[in-house]
C-alpha atoms as a PDB file:
ATOM      1  CA  MET A   1     -12.612  16.342  22.051  1.00  0.00           C
ATOM      2  CA  PRO A   2     -12.259  14.616  25.545  1.00  0.00           C
ATOM      3  CA  ALA A   3     -11.420  10.773  26.061  1.00  0.00           C
ATOM      4  CA  HIS A   4     -14.173   8.572  26.103  1.00  0.00           C
ATOM      5  CA  GLY A   5     -14.692   5.819  28.701  1.00  0.00           C
ATOM      6  CA  ALA A   6     -12.308   3.313  29.447  1.00  0.00           C
ATOM      7  CA  HIS A   7     -14.104   0.977  27.588  1.00  0.00           C
ATOM      8  CA  PRO A   8     -16.965   1.148  24.544  1.00  0.00           C
ATOM      9  CA  THR A   9     -20.131  -0.369  25.686  1.00  0.00           C
ATOM     10  CA  SER A  10     -20.345  -2.167  22.360  1.00  0.00           C
ATOM     11  CA  ILE A  11     -18.688  -2.705  18.984  1.00  0.00           C
ATOM     12  CA  ALA A  12     -21.195  -0.309  17.386  1.00  0.00           C
ATOM     13  CA  GLU A  13     -20.282   2.444  19.770  1.00  0.00           C
ATOM     14  CA  LEU A  14     -16.586   1.814  19.165  1.00  0.00           C
ATOM     15  CA  ARG A  15     -17.127   1.785  15.087  1.00  0.00           C
ATOM     16  CA  ARG A  16     -18.867   5.058  15.525  1.00  0.00           C
ATOM     17  CA  VAL A  17     -16.323   6.852  17.453  1.00  0.00           C
ATOM     18  CA  ALA A  18     -13.211   4.957  16.221  1.00  0.00           C
ATOM     19  CA  GLN A  19     -14.078   4.775  12.472  1.00  0.00           C
ATOM     20  CA  PRO A  20     -15.776   8.029  11.662  1.00  0.00           C
ATOM     21  CA  PRO A  21     -17.005   8.747   7.953  1.00  0.00           C
ATOM     22  CA  GLU A  22     -13.776  10.852   7.242  1.00  0.00           C
ATOM     23  CA  VAL A  23     -11.640   8.034   8.309  1.00  0.00           C
ATOM     24  CA  ARG A  24     -13.321   5.366   6.246  1.00  0.00           C
ATOM     25  CA  GLN A  25     -13.658   7.561   3.264  1.00  0.00           C
ATOM     26  CA  ARG A  26     -10.076   8.700   2.938  1.00  0.00           C
ATOM     27  CA  ALA A  27      -8.480   8.405  -0.493  1.00  0.00           C
ATOM     28  CA  ASN A  28      -4.870   7.903   0.017  1.00  0.00           C
ATOM     29  CA  ALA A  29      -4.357   6.777   3.788  1.00  0.00           C
ATOM     30  CA  GLU A  30      -6.677   3.807   3.603  1.00  0.00           C
ATOM     31  CA  HIS A  31      -4.917   0.750   2.101  1.00  0.00           C
ATOM     32  CA  TRP A  32      -7.430  -1.438  -0.108  1.00  0.00           C
ATOM     33  CA  THR A  33      -7.375  -4.318   2.515  1.00  0.00           C
ATOM     34  CA  ALA A  34      -8.529  -2.139   5.079  1.00  0.00           C
ATOM     35  CA  SER A  35     -11.890  -1.024   2.857  1.00  0.00           C
ATOM     36  CA  LEU A  36     -12.016  -4.258   1.758  1.00  0.00           C
ATOM     37  CA  TYR A  37     -12.151  -6.293   5.010  1.00  0.00           C
ATOM     38  CA  LEU A  38      -9.719  -5.276   7.875  1.00  0.00           C
ATOM     39  CA  ARG A  39     -11.664  -2.133   9.157  1.00  0.00           C
ATOM     40  CA  ASP A  40     -14.474  -5.120   9.600  1.00  0.00           C
ATOM     41  CA  LEU A  41     -12.233  -7.067  11.902  1.00  0.00           C
ATOM     42  CA  SER A  42     -10.245  -4.374  13.479  1.00  0.00           C
ATOM     43  CA  PRO A  43     -12.776  -3.033  16.167  1.00  0.00           C
ATOM     44  CA  TYR A  44     -12.927  -6.757  17.701  1.00  0.00           C
ATOM     45  CA  LEU A  45      -8.804  -6.290  17.903  1.00  0.00           C
ATOM     46  CA  THR A  46      -9.460  -2.974  19.422  1.00  0.00           C
ATOM     47  CA  TRP A  47     -11.772  -3.782  21.870  1.00  0.00           C
ATOM     48  CA  PHE A  48      -9.417  -6.183  23.252  1.00  0.00           C
ATOM     49  CA  LEU A  49      -6.742  -3.697  23.387  1.00  0.00           C
ATOM     50  CA  LEU A  50      -8.771  -1.276  25.071  1.00  0.00           C
ATOM     51  CA  LYS A  51      -8.994  -3.683  28.209  1.00  0.00           C
ATOM     52  CA  THR A  52      -5.109  -3.393  28.556  1.00  0.00           C
ATOM     53  CA  SER A  53      -3.346  -0.327  29.442  1.00  0.00           C
ATOM     54  CA  ILE A  54      -1.324  -0.336  26.252  1.00  0.00           C
ATOM     55  CA  SER A  55      -1.265   3.304  24.745  1.00  0.00           C
ATOM     56  CA  ALA A  56      -1.971   4.097  20.887  1.00  0.00           C
ATOM     57  CA  ASN A  57       1.620   4.613  20.668  1.00  0.00           C
ATOM     58  CA  GLY A  58       2.183   1.157  22.117  1.00  0.00           C
ATOM     59  CA  VAL A  59       0.013  -0.211  19.686  1.00  0.00           C
ATOM     60  CA  THR A  60       2.079   1.459  17.023  1.00  0.00           C
ATOM     61  CA  GLY A  61       5.293  -0.088  18.418  1.00  0.00           C
ATOM     62  CA  LEU A  62       3.515  -3.211  18.014  1.00  0.00           C
ATOM     63  CA  MET A  63       2.641  -2.695  14.262  1.00  0.00           C
ATOM     64  CA  ILE A  64       6.350  -1.811  13.675  1.00  0.00           C
ATOM     65  CA  LEU A  65       7.369  -5.275  15.322  1.00  0.00           C
ATOM     66  CA  VAL A  66       5.092  -6.971  12.909  1.00  0.00           C
ATOM     67  CA  GLY A  67       6.465  -5.257  10.259  1.00  0.00           C
ATOM     68  CA  TRP A  68       9.904  -6.103  11.009  1.00  0.00           C
ATOM     69  CA  SER A  69       9.136  -9.704  11.668  1.00  0.00           C
ATOM     70  CA  THR A  70       7.447  -9.851   8.184  1.00  0.00           C
ATOM     71  CA  ALA A  71      10.383  -9.321   6.589  1.00  0.00           C
ATOM     72  CA  ALA A  72      12.283 -11.556   8.822  1.00  0.00           C
ATOM     73  CA  ALA A  73      10.133 -14.325   7.690  1.00  0.00           C
ATOM     74  CA  LEU A  74      11.027 -14.187   4.269  1.00  0.00           C
ATOM     75  CA  LEU A  75      14.549 -15.076   5.475  1.00  0.00           C
ATOM     76  CA  ILE A  76      13.329 -18.268   5.540  1.00  0.00           C
ATOM     77  CA  PRO A  77      13.651 -20.353   2.588  1.00  0.00           C
ATOM     78  CA  GLY A  78      10.960 -21.969   0.458  1.00  0.00           C
ATOM     79  CA  ILE A  79       7.450 -21.390   0.380  1.00  0.00           C
ATOM     80  CA  GLY A  80       7.354 -21.696   4.440  1.00  0.00           C
ATOM     81  CA  GLY A  81       8.666 -18.150   5.265  1.00  0.00           C
ATOM     82  CA  ALA A  82       6.531 -16.830   2.161  1.00  0.00           C
ATOM     83  CA  VAL A  83       3.464 -18.139   3.810  1.00  0.00           C
ATOM     84  CA  LEU A  84       4.576 -16.779   7.188  1.00  0.00           C
ATOM     85  CA  ALA A  85       5.210 -13.167   5.813  1.00  0.00           C
ATOM     86  CA  LEU A  86       1.661 -12.972   3.691  1.00  0.00           C
ATOM     87  CA  ILE A  87       0.209 -13.849   7.086  1.00  0.00           C
ATOM     88  CA  LEU A  88       2.225 -11.322   9.129  1.00  0.00           C
ATOM     89  CA  GLY A  89       1.684  -8.575   6.138  1.00  0.00           C
ATOM     90  CA  GLN A  90      -2.105  -8.576   6.712  1.00  0.00           C
ATOM     91  CA  LEU A  91      -1.611  -8.697  10.525  1.00  0.00           C
ATOM     92  CA  GLN A  92       0.422  -5.594  10.407  1.00  0.00           C
ATOM     93  CA  MET A  93      -2.172  -3.745   8.465  1.00  0.00           C
ATOM     94  CA  LEU A  94      -4.726  -5.068  10.759  1.00  0.00           C
ATOM     95  CA  VAL A  95      -2.719  -3.473  13.959  1.00  0.00           C
ATOM     96  CA  ASP A  96      -2.069  -0.375  11.733  1.00  0.00           C
ATOM     97  CA  CYS A  97      -5.876  -0.060  11.629  1.00  0.00           C
ATOM     98  CA  CYS A  98      -6.044  -0.275  15.657  1.00  0.00           C
ATOM     99  CA  ASP A  99      -3.654   1.853  16.674  1.00  0.00           C
ATOM    100  CA  GLY A 100      -5.630   4.953  15.124  1.00  0.00           C
ATOM    101  CA  GLU A 101      -8.896   3.319  16.812  1.00  0.00           C
ATOM    102  CA  VAL A 102      -7.359   3.414  20.078  1.00  0.00           C
ATOM    103  CA  ALA A 103      -5.965   7.051  19.828  1.00  0.00           C
ATOM    104  CA  ARG A 104      -9.307   8.044  18.630  1.00  0.00           C
ATOM    105  CA  TRP A 105     -11.503   6.380  21.419  1.00  0.00           C
ATOM    106  CA  ARG A 106      -8.705   7.511  24.128  1.00  0.00           C
ATOM    107  CA  ASN A 107      -8.172  10.783  22.325  1.00  0.00           C
ATOM    108  CA  GLN A 108      -4.164  10.050  22.317  1.00  0.00           C
ATOM    109  CA  SER A 109      -3.641  11.349  18.675  1.00  0.00           C
ATOM    110  CA  SER A 110      -0.353  13.028  18.668  1.00  0.00           C
ATOM    111  CA  PRO A 111       2.694  13.953  16.348  1.00  0.00           C
ATOM    112  CA  ALA A 112       4.573  11.201  18.153  1.00  0.00           C
ATOM    113  CA  GLY A 113       1.971   8.731  16.798  1.00  0.00           C
ATOM    114  CA  VAL A 114       2.105   9.787  13.040  1.00  0.00           C
ATOM    115  CA  PHE A 115       6.107   9.560  13.228  1.00  0.00           C
ATOM    116  CA  LEU A 116       6.023   5.978  14.711  1.00  0.00           C
ATOM    117  CA  ASP A 117       3.446   5.149  12.098  1.00  0.00           C
ATOM    118  CA  LYS A 118       5.845   6.475   9.522  1.00  0.00           C
ATOM    119  CA  VAL A 119       8.674   4.870  10.663  1.00  0.00           C
ATOM    120  CA  GLY A 120       6.774   1.264  10.623  1.00  0.00           C
ATOM    121  CA  HIS A 121       5.905   1.782   6.945  1.00  0.00           C
ATOM    122  CA  TYR A 122       8.916   3.107   5.782  1.00  0.00           C
ATOM    123  CA  THR A 123      11.307   0.311   7.797  1.00  0.00           C
ATOM    124  CA  THR A 124       8.844  -2.318   6.708  1.00  0.00           C
ATOM    125  CA  GLU A 125       9.044  -1.556   3.216  1.00  0.00           C
ATOM    126  CA  ALA A 126      12.633  -1.199   3.243  1.00  0.00           C
ATOM    127  CA  LEU A 127      13.392  -4.456   4.908  1.00  0.00           C
ATOM    128  CA  ILE A 128      11.182  -6.466   2.704  1.00  0.00           C
ATOM    129  CA  PRO A 129      12.813  -6.067  -0.541  1.00  0.00           C
ATOM    130  CA  ILE A 130      16.373  -6.545   1.336  1.00  0.00           C
ATOM    131  CA  ALA A 131      14.886  -9.731   2.400  1.00  0.00           C
ATOM    132  CA  LEU A 132      13.525 -10.626  -1.139  1.00  0.00           C
ATOM    133  CA  GLY A 133      17.308  -9.883  -2.353  1.00  0.00           C
ATOM    134  CA  ILE A 134      18.788 -12.375   0.012  1.00  0.00           C
ATOM    135  CA  ARG A 135      16.347 -14.874  -0.920  1.00  0.00           C
ATOM    136  CA  ALA A 136      17.176 -14.492  -4.896  1.00  0.00           C
ATOM    137  CA  ALA A 137      20.670 -14.829  -3.843  1.00  0.00           C
ATOM    138  CA  GLY A 138      20.095 -18.348  -2.072  1.00  0.00           C
ATOM    139  CA  TYR A 139      22.129 -19.901   1.065  1.00  0.00           C
ATOM    140  CA  PRO A 140      24.971 -19.869   1.490  1.00  0.00           C
ATOM    141  CA  PHE A 141      26.272 -16.830  -0.364  1.00  0.00           C
ATOM    142  CA  GLU A 142      28.782 -17.209  -3.270  1.00  0.00           C
ATOM    143  CA  ALA A 143      30.916 -14.233  -4.142  1.00  0.00           C
ATOM    144  CA  PRO A 144      30.687 -12.261  -6.290  1.00  0.00           C
ATOM    145  CA  ALA A 145      27.956 -13.532  -8.441  1.00  0.00           C
ATOM    146  CA  ASP A 146      25.180 -13.735  -5.580  1.00  0.00           C
ATOM    147  CA  PHE A 147      25.933 -10.381  -4.142  1.00  0.00           C
ATOM    148  CA  LEU A 148      24.682  -8.959  -7.376  1.00  0.00           C
ATOM    149  CA  TRP A 149      20.827  -9.908  -6.208  1.00  0.00           C
ATOM    150  CA  THR A 150      21.613  -8.620  -2.562  1.00  0.00           C
ATOM    151  CA  THR A 151      22.646  -5.380  -3.971  1.00  0.00           C
ATOM    152  CA  ILE A 152      19.477  -5.387  -6.445  1.00  0.00           C
ATOM    153  CA  GLY A 153      17.601  -6.065  -3.448  1.00  0.00           C
ATOM    154  CA  PHE A 154      19.245  -3.107  -1.411  1.00  0.00           C
ATOM    155  CA  ALA A 155      18.636  -0.642  -4.757  1.00  0.00           C
ATOM    156  CA  LEU A 156      15.048  -1.850  -4.553  1.00  0.00           C
ATOM    157  CA  ALA A 157      14.589  -0.783  -1.201  1.00  0.00           C
ATOM    158  CA  LEU A 158      16.055   2.666  -1.782  1.00  0.00           C
ATOM    159  CA  THR A 159      13.854   3.257  -4.822  1.00  0.00           C
ATOM    160  CA  ILE A 160      10.704   2.234  -2.843  1.00  0.00           C
ATOM    161  CA  VAL A 161      11.825   4.637   0.178  1.00  0.00           C
ATOM    162  CA  LEU A 162      12.262   7.632  -2.178  1.00  0.00           C
ATOM    163  CA  ASN A 163       8.743   7.031  -3.665  1.00  0.00           C
ATOM    164  CA  LYS A 164       7.301   6.778  -0.181  1.00  0.00           C
ATOM    165  CA  ALA A 165       9.130  10.103   0.637  1.00  0.00           C
ATOM    166  CA  LEU A 166       7.842  11.983  -2.442  1.00  0.00           C
ATOM    167  CA  ASN A 167       4.518  12.332  -0.583  1.00  0.00           C
ATOM    168  CA  ASP A 168       5.907  13.407   2.448  1.00  0.00           C
ATOM    169  CA  MET A 169       8.106  15.902   0.625  1.00  0.00           C
ATOM    170  CA  VAL A 170       4.934  17.320  -0.724  1.00  0.00           C
ATOM    171  CA  HIS A 171       3.849  18.021   2.771  1.00  0.00           C
ATOM    172  CA  VAL A 172       6.952  19.602   3.899  1.00  0.00           C
ATOM    173  CA  ALA A 173       7.290  21.827   0.805  1.00  0.00           C
ATOM    174  CA  ARG A 174       3.590  23.187   1.383  1.00  0.00           C
ATOM    175  CA  ALA A 175       4.211  23.731   5.176  1.00  0.00           C
ATOM    176  CA  ASN A 176       7.627  25.718   4.295  1.00  0.00           C
ATOM    177  CA  ALA A 177       5.787  27.453   2.108  1.00  0.00           C
ATOM    178  CA  GLY A 178       3.106  28.417   4.302  1.00  0.00           C
ATOM    179  CA  LEU A 179       0.194  26.556   2.417  1.00  0.00           C
ATOM    180  CA  VAL A 180      -2.727  24.710   4.251  1.00  0.00           C
ATOM    181  CA  LYS A 181      -2.355  20.788   4.609  1.00  0.00           C
ATOM    182  CA  LEU A 182      -3.962  19.101   1.412  1.00  0.00           C
ATOM    183  CA  ALA A 183      -7.456  17.639   2.073  1.00  0.00           C
ATOM    184  CA  ASP A 184      -7.385  13.441   1.459  1.00  0.00           C
ATOM    185  CA  ARG A 185      -9.258  13.751  -1.878  1.00  0.00           C
ATOM    186  CA  LYS A 186      -8.360  12.128  -5.128  1.00  0.00           C
ATOM    187  CA  GLU A 187      -8.914  15.395  -7.132  1.00  0.00           C
ATOM    188  CA  GLU A 188      -6.025  17.085  -5.209  1.00  0.00           C
ATOM    189  CA  SER A 189      -3.453  14.574  -6.785  1.00  0.00           C
ATOM    190  CA  VAL A 190      -4.748  14.929 -10.365  1.00  0.00           C
ATOM    191  CA  PRO A 191      -2.311  16.076 -12.889  1.00  0.00           C
ATOM    192  CA  SER A 192      -3.192  19.547 -14.476  1.00  0.00           C
ATOM    193  CA  GLN A 193      -1.333  18.734 -17.435  1.00  0.00           C
ATOM    194  CA  ARG A 194      -3.368  16.945 -19.872  1.00  0.00           C
ATOM    195  CA  LEU A 195      -0.819  14.628 -21.067  1.00  0.00           C
ATOM    196  CA  VAL A 196       0.441  13.806 -17.763  1.00  0.00           C
ATOM    197  CA  ALA A 197      -3.358  13.066 -16.840  1.00  0.00           C
ATOM    198  CA  ARG A 198      -3.792  10.780 -19.641  1.00  0.00           C
ATOM    199  CA  LEU A 199      -0.643   8.613 -18.718  1.00  0.00           C
ATOM    200  CA  ARG A 200      -1.814   8.689 -15.431  1.00  0.00           C
ATOM    201  CA  ARG A 201      -5.375   7.294 -16.190  1.00  0.00           C
ATOM    202  CA  ALA A 202      -3.537   4.747 -18.605  1.00  0.00           C
ATOM    203  CA  ALA A 203      -1.582   3.539 -15.755  1.00  0.00           C
ATOM    204  CA  ARG A 204      -4.568   2.544 -14.146  1.00  0.00           C
ATOM    205  CA  PHE A 205      -4.807  -0.671 -16.615  1.00  0.00           C
ATOM    206  CA  VAL A 206      -1.130  -1.589 -15.745  1.00  0.00           C
ATOM    207  CA  PRO A 207      -0.893  -0.671 -11.898  1.00  0.00           C
ATOM    208  CA  PHE A 208       2.408  -1.761 -11.303  1.00  0.00           C
ATOM    209  CA  HIS A 209       3.103   1.436  -9.568  1.00  0.00           C
ATOM    210  CA  ARG A 210       0.998  -0.104  -6.487  1.00  0.00           C
ATOM    211  CA  LEU A 211       3.330  -3.258  -6.028  1.00  0.00           C
ATOM    212  CA  TYR A 212       5.676  -1.807  -3.510  1.00  0.00           C
ATOM    213  CA  HIS A 213       3.270  -1.898  -0.667  1.00  0.00           C
ATOM    214  CA  SER A 214       4.262  -4.474   2.261  1.00  0.00           C
ATOM    215  CA  VAL A 215       0.807  -6.337   1.409  1.00  0.00           C
ATOM    216  CA  GLU A 216       1.510  -6.419  -2.044  1.00  0.00           C
ATOM    217  CA  LEU A 217       5.211  -7.444  -1.753  1.00  0.00           C
ATOM    218  CA  THR A 218       4.492 -10.210   0.352  1.00  0.00           C
ATOM    219  CA  ILE A 219       1.491 -11.239  -1.786  1.00  0.00           C
ATOM    220  CA  LEU A 220       4.028 -11.560  -4.899  1.00  0.00           C
ATOM    221  CA  ALA A 221       6.568 -13.449  -2.484  1.00  0.00           C
ATOM    222  CA  PHE A 222       3.626 -15.898  -1.626  1.00  0.00           C
ATOM    223  CA  VAL A 223       3.068 -16.225  -5.239  1.00  0.00           C
ATOM    224  CA  THR A 224       6.730 -16.785  -6.437  1.00  0.00           C
ATOM    225  CA  ALA A 225       7.434 -19.188  -3.762  1.00  0.00           C
ATOM    226  CA  VAL A 226       4.648 -21.401  -5.212  1.00  0.00           C
ATOM    227  CA  ILE A 227       5.813 -21.083  -8.870  1.00  0.00           C
ATOM    228  CA  GLY A 228       9.367 -21.987  -7.282  1.00  0.00           C
ATOM    229  CA  GLY A 229       7.770 -24.992  -5.793  1.00  0.00           C
ATOM    230  CA  VAL A 230       5.965 -26.241  -8.898  1.00  0.00           C
ATOM    231  CA  LEU A 231       9.691 -25.769 -10.687  1.00  0.00           C
ATOM    232  CA  ALA A 232      11.319 -27.635  -8.320  1.00  0.00           C
ATOM    233  CA  LEU A 233       9.174 -30.330  -8.429  1.00  0.00           C
ATOM    234  CA  ALA A 234       9.109 -30.237 -12.181  1.00  0.00           C
ATOM    235  CA  GLY A 235      13.093 -31.119 -11.578  1.00  0.00           C
ATOM    236  CA  VAL A 236      14.325 -28.023 -12.376  1.00  0.00           C
ATOM    237  CA  ALA A 237      17.582 -27.090 -10.633  1.00  0.00           C
ATOM    238  CA  ASP A 238      17.436 -24.410  -7.809  1.00  0.00           C
ATOM    239  CA  GLY A 239      13.901 -23.682  -9.253  1.00  0.00           C
ATOM    240  CA  GLU A 240      12.827 -21.589  -6.250  1.00  0.00           C
ATOM    241  CA  ILE A 241      15.536 -19.390  -6.309  1.00  0.00           C
ATOM    242  CA  ILE A 242      15.302 -18.895 -10.093  1.00  0.00           C
ATOM    243  CA  ALA A 243      11.708 -17.637  -9.185  1.00  0.00           C
ATOM    244  CA  ASP A 244      12.703 -15.244  -6.500  1.00  0.00           C
ATOM    245  CA  ARG A 245      15.312 -14.008  -8.998  1.00  0.00           C
ATOM    246  CA  TRP A 246      12.868 -13.285 -11.499  1.00  0.00           C
ATOM    247  CA  LEU A 247      10.587 -11.594  -9.120  1.00  0.00           C
ATOM    248  CA  VAL A 248      13.549  -9.128  -7.884  1.00  0.00           C
ATOM    249  CA  GLY A 249      14.743  -8.662 -11.585  1.00  0.00           C
ATOM    250  CA  ILE A 250      11.381  -7.572 -12.410  1.00  0.00           C
ATOM    251  CA  LEU A 251      10.412  -5.221  -9.644  1.00  0.00           C
ATOM    252  CA  ALA A 252      13.656  -3.127  -9.709  1.00  0.00           C
ATOM    253  CA  PRO A 253      13.543  -1.527 -12.994  1.00  0.00           C
ATOM    254  CA  LEU A 254       9.716  -1.146 -12.632  1.00  0.00           C
ATOM    255  CA  SER A 255      10.310   0.502  -9.278  1.00  0.00           C
ATOM    256  CA  LEU A 256      12.575   2.887 -11.181  1.00  0.00           C
ATOM    257  CA  LEU A 257       9.701   3.931 -13.634  1.00  0.00           C
ATOM    258  CA  ALA A 258       7.239   4.085 -10.951  1.00  0.00           C
ATOM    259  CA  LEU A 259       9.427   6.898  -9.110  1.00  0.00           C
ATOM    260  CA  ALA A 260       9.888   8.779 -12.114  1.00  0.00           C
ATOM    261  CA  GLY A 261       6.141   8.785 -12.969  1.00  0.00           C
ATOM    262  CA  HIS A 262       5.173   9.604  -9.518  1.00  0.00           C
ATOM    263  CA  PHE A 263       7.827  12.471  -9.667  1.00  0.00           C
ATOM    264  CA  VAL A 264       6.382  13.962 -12.816  1.00  0.00           C
ATOM    265  CA  ALA A 265       2.500  13.447 -11.494  1.00  0.00           C
ATOM    266  CA  ILE A 266       3.247  15.454  -8.203  1.00  0.00           C
ATOM    267  CA  LEU A 267       4.819  18.244 -10.294  1.00  0.00           C
ATOM    268  CA  ALA A 268       2.172  18.384 -12.741  1.00  0.00           C
ATOM    269  CA  SER A 269      -0.546  18.431 -10.149  1.00  0.00           C
ATOM    270  CA  ARG A 270      -1.935  21.147  -7.566  1.00  0.00           C
ATOM    271  CA  ARG A 271      -0.231  19.777  -4.410  1.00  0.00           C
ATOM    272  CA  VAL A 272       2.734  21.662  -5.263  1.00  0.00           C
ATOM    273  CA  ARG A 273       1.001  24.928  -6.516  1.00  0.00           C
ATOM    274  CA  ALA A 274       0.541  28.019  -4.530  1.00  0.00           C
END
């Protein structure tokens, strides 16, 4: 497919080319914020980016920097850092929408772009829990007690990365087995075993396994900061740190459960069947 003109003539034309139905209807690749409102906003930012010489991979690089800045913002104590991280987390997802739109308009889609996109999401979603662990430890650190919370933060980061990697392991396994690429449809991930399928449906009522994306983590960090601020105003000593410790302490064991459930669901689905 040839590249389109240097710049679209209208937002409608840009949407038609950069947001085809196969993109808007993806079951797994689209985050709920994209479906809810970011895809409505992204063409306006893409419109501006197309006026510059930045490439699609350059936009992805910008997305990576915004993601890292999201984690760095959480190192600012109190609600200020959490608010900044919340805003940057949404901005990262907005830019993430735009890199694909620039690539589709300019016909710049490439394996390098996919690789950089993976780097952006993997590193961001590893750095955020590490930052949460540092928030829970408080400043300055006191050994050895505070290092418990930084260790939990690193453990949470590792679990989240492993959970994300399972999906990519499926694609690698299928490619090595000579199978066709999976279509991005919900039915492909439905477990074939009845018990696992029932457990998966039950998990929809308590969807804690969806808490480990950068957007959800920043939302939780913001809510926790608000709770911590209320505790501090109520006279609770170290109220903000206590709230941060509850957040990390709850997320860590739930992440292990989510990882185990994801692993079982993959083995029970058609995704790893010949």
